[in-house]
Amino acid sequence: MERHGTDPLHELEARTRGSDPRFARGLETGNPRQPREYRRRRGRAWALLALAVAMVITGTALAQGLLLAAGLVLAGMATSLLPDPRH
């Protein structure tokens, strides 16, 4: 039994608004947004991918197999950080 004057839904709404205001605002306007836990930052992935491409090009130009291999591994890691094109 709940106490008089307390509503668990209002408390949940206040906590959600405090922790993730974009998500709460999206629910209010009817245009839902992804919660903070599911949002990905794409800038880091693109920067990592640019570094990997530079490493691959440099490794190819200087005939350095280790640099080339490291660039290919880094490119694979960077592409796994990019968002899924199906979404």
C-alpha atoms as a PDB file:
ATOM      1  CA  MET A   1       0.000   0.000   0.000  1.00  0.00           C
ATOM      2  CA  GLU A   2       1.394   3.377  -0.907  1.00  0.00           C
ATOM      3  CA  ARG A   3       1.557   6.289   1.448  1.00  0.00           C
ATOM      4  CA  HIS A   4      -0.642   9.310   0.975  1.00  0.00           C
ATOM      5  CA  GLY A   5       0.968  11.980  -1.202  1.00  0.00           C
ATOM      6  CA  THR A   6       3.551   9.783  -2.886  1.00  0.00           C
ATOM      7  CA  ASP A   7       3.244   8.465  -6.383  1.00  0.00           C
ATOM      8  CA  PRO A   8       5.933   6.098  -7.662  1.00  0.00           C
ATOM      9  CA  LEU A   9       5.370   7.243 -11.250  1.00  0.00           C
ATOM     10  CA  HIS A  10       6.044  10.884 -10.362  1.00  0.00           C
ATOM     11  CA  GLU A  11       9.220   9.876  -8.548  1.00  0.00           C
ATOM     12  CA  LEU A  12      10.327   7.813 -11.548  1.00  0.00           C
ATOM     13  CA  GLU A  13       9.573  10.719 -13.878  1.00  0.00           C
ATOM     14  CA  ALA A  14      11.616  13.109 -11.740  1.00  0.00           C
ATOM     15  CA  ARG A  15      14.587  10.729 -11.626  1.00  0.00           C
ATOM     16  CA  THR A  16      14.426  10.179 -15.402  1.00  0.00           C
ATOM     17  CA  ARG A  17      14.231  13.910 -16.052  1.00  0.00           C
ATOM     18  CA  GLY A  18      17.270  14.450 -13.847  1.00  0.00           C
ATOM     19  CA  SER A  19      19.409  11.691 -15.308  1.00  0.00           C
ATOM     20  CA  ASP A  20      18.523  11.975 -19.016  1.00  0.00           C
ATOM     21  CA  PRO A  21      16.649  15.185 -19.922  1.00  0.00           C
ATOM     22  CA  ARG A  22      16.742  14.571 -23.720  1.00  0.00           C
ATOM     23  CA  PHE A  23      15.003  11.215 -23.294  1.00  0.00           C
ATOM     24  CA  ALA A  24      12.366  12.685 -20.943  1.00  0.00           C
ATOM     25  CA  ARG A  25      11.727  15.661 -23.254  1.00  0.00           C
ATOM     26  CA  GLY A  26      11.307  13.288 -26.193  1.00  0.00           C
ATOM     27  CA  LEU A  27       8.673  11.303 -24.329  1.00  0.00           C
ATOM     28  CA  GLU A  28       6.774  14.494 -23.489  1.00  0.00           C
ATOM     29  CA  THR A  29       6.716  15.744 -27.081  1.00  0.00           C
ATOM     30  CA  GLY A  30       5.845  12.380 -28.591  1.00  0.00           C
ATOM     31  CA  ASN A  31       9.150  12.197 -30.465  1.00  0.00           C
ATOM     32  CA  PRO A  32      11.049   9.566 -28.475  1.00  0.00           C
ATOM     33  CA  ARG A  33      14.841   9.578 -28.375  1.00  0.00           C
ATOM     34  CA  GLN A  34      17.207   6.779 -27.485  1.00  0.00           C
ATOM     35  CA  PRO A  35      18.193   6.570 -23.822  1.00  0.00           C
ATOM     36  CA  ARG A  36      21.688   7.725 -22.950  1.00  0.00           C
ATOM     37  CA  GLU A  37      22.945   4.160 -22.589  1.00  0.00           C
ATOM     38  CA  TYR A  38      22.184   3.399 -26.241  1.00  0.00           C
ATOM     39  CA  ARG A  39      23.501   6.580 -27.838  1.00  0.00           C
ATOM     40  CA  ARG A  40      26.918   6.305 -29.453  1.00  0.00           C
ATOM     41  CA  ARG A  41      29.359   9.033 -30.186  1.00  0.00           C
ATOM     42  CA  ARG A  42      30.432   8.811 -33.783  1.00  0.00           C
ATOM     43  CA  GLY A  43      33.227  11.384 -33.684  1.00  0.00           C
ATOM     44  CA  ARG A  44      35.679   9.100 -31.920  1.00  0.00           C
ATOM     45  CA  ALA A  45      35.017   6.258 -34.341  1.00  0.00           C
ATOM     46  CA  TRP A  46      35.583   8.468 -37.388  1.00  0.00           C
ATOM     47  CA  ALA A  47      38.792   9.884 -35.919  1.00  0.00           C
ATOM     48  CA  LEU A  48      40.039   6.370 -35.176  1.00  0.00           C
ATOM     49  CA  LEU A  49      39.149   5.290 -38.701  1.00  0.00           C
ATOM     50  CA  ALA A  50      41.051   8.259 -40.174  1.00  0.00           C
ATOM     51  CA  LEU A  51      44.094   7.341 -38.090  1.00  0.00           C
ATOM     52  CA  ALA A  52      43.831   3.730 -39.275  1.00  0.00           C
ATOM     53  CA  VAL A  53      43.668   4.776 -42.925  1.00  0.00           C
ATOM     54  CA  ALA A  54      46.718   6.998 -42.435  1.00  0.00           C
ATOM     55  CA  MET A  55      48.564   4.072 -40.841  1.00  0.00           C
ATOM     56  CA  VAL A  56      47.644   1.757 -43.725  1.00  0.00           C
ATOM     57  CA  ILE A  57      48.770   4.281 -46.353  1.00  0.00           C
ATOM     58  CA  THR A  58      52.009   5.025 -44.490  1.00  0.00           C
ATOM     59  CA  GLY A  59      52.689   1.333 -43.920  1.00  0.00           C
ATOM     60  CA  THR A  60      52.162   0.623 -47.613  1.00  0.00           C
ATOM     61  CA  ALA A  61      54.323   3.547 -48.767  1.00  0.00           C
ATOM     62  CA  LEU A  62      57.214   2.713 -46.412  1.00  0.00           C
ATOM     63  CA  ALA A  63      56.901  -1.065 -46.855  1.00  0.00           C
ATOM     64  CA  GLN A  64      56.482  -1.539 -43.110  1.00  0.00           C
ATOM     65  CA  GLY A  65      54.453  -4.676 -42.513  1.00  0.00           C
ATOM     66  CA  LEU A  66      53.942  -4.065 -38.805  1.00  0.00           C
ATOM     67  CA  LEU A  67      52.531  -0.576 -39.379  1.00  0.00           C
ATOM     68  CA  LEU A  68      50.310  -1.898 -42.151  1.00  0.00           C
ATOM     69  CA  ALA A  69      49.000  -4.751 -39.989  1.00  0.00           C
ATOM     70  CA  ALA A  70      48.400  -2.423 -37.038  1.00  0.00           C
ATOM     71  CA  GLY A  71      46.478  -0.054 -39.329  1.00  0.00           C
ATOM     72  CA  LEU A  72      44.284  -2.886 -40.590  1.00  0.00           C
ATOM     73  CA  VAL A  73      43.511  -4.055 -37.061  1.00  0.00           C
ATOM     74  CA  LEU A  74      42.740  -0.487 -35.994  1.00  0.00           C
ATOM     75  CA  ALA A  75      40.455  -0.050 -39.016  1.00  0.00           C
ATOM     76  CA  GLY A  76      38.519  -3.150 -37.974  1.00  0.00           C
ATOM     77  CA  MET A  77      38.159  -1.817 -34.440  1.00  0.00           C
ATOM     78  CA  ALA A  78      37.001   1.583 -35.714  1.00  0.00           C
ATOM     79  CA  THR A  79      34.355   0.121 -38.017  1.00  0.00           C
ATOM     80  CA  SER A  80      32.893  -1.877 -35.151  1.00  0.00           C
ATOM     81  CA  LEU A  81      32.359   1.424 -33.293  1.00  0.00           C
ATOM     82  CA  LEU A  82      30.428   3.002 -36.167  1.00  0.00           C
ATOM     83  CA  PRO A  83      26.622   2.872 -35.993  1.00  0.00           C
ATOM     84  CA  ASP A  84      24.706   0.074 -37.629  1.00  0.00           C
ATOM     85  CA  PRO A  85      23.410   1.258 -41.050  1.00  0.00           C
ATOM     86  CA  ARG A  86      20.150  -0.641 -40.560  1.00  0.00           C
ATOM     87  CA  HIS A  87      19.005   1.769 -37.836  1.00  0.00           C
END
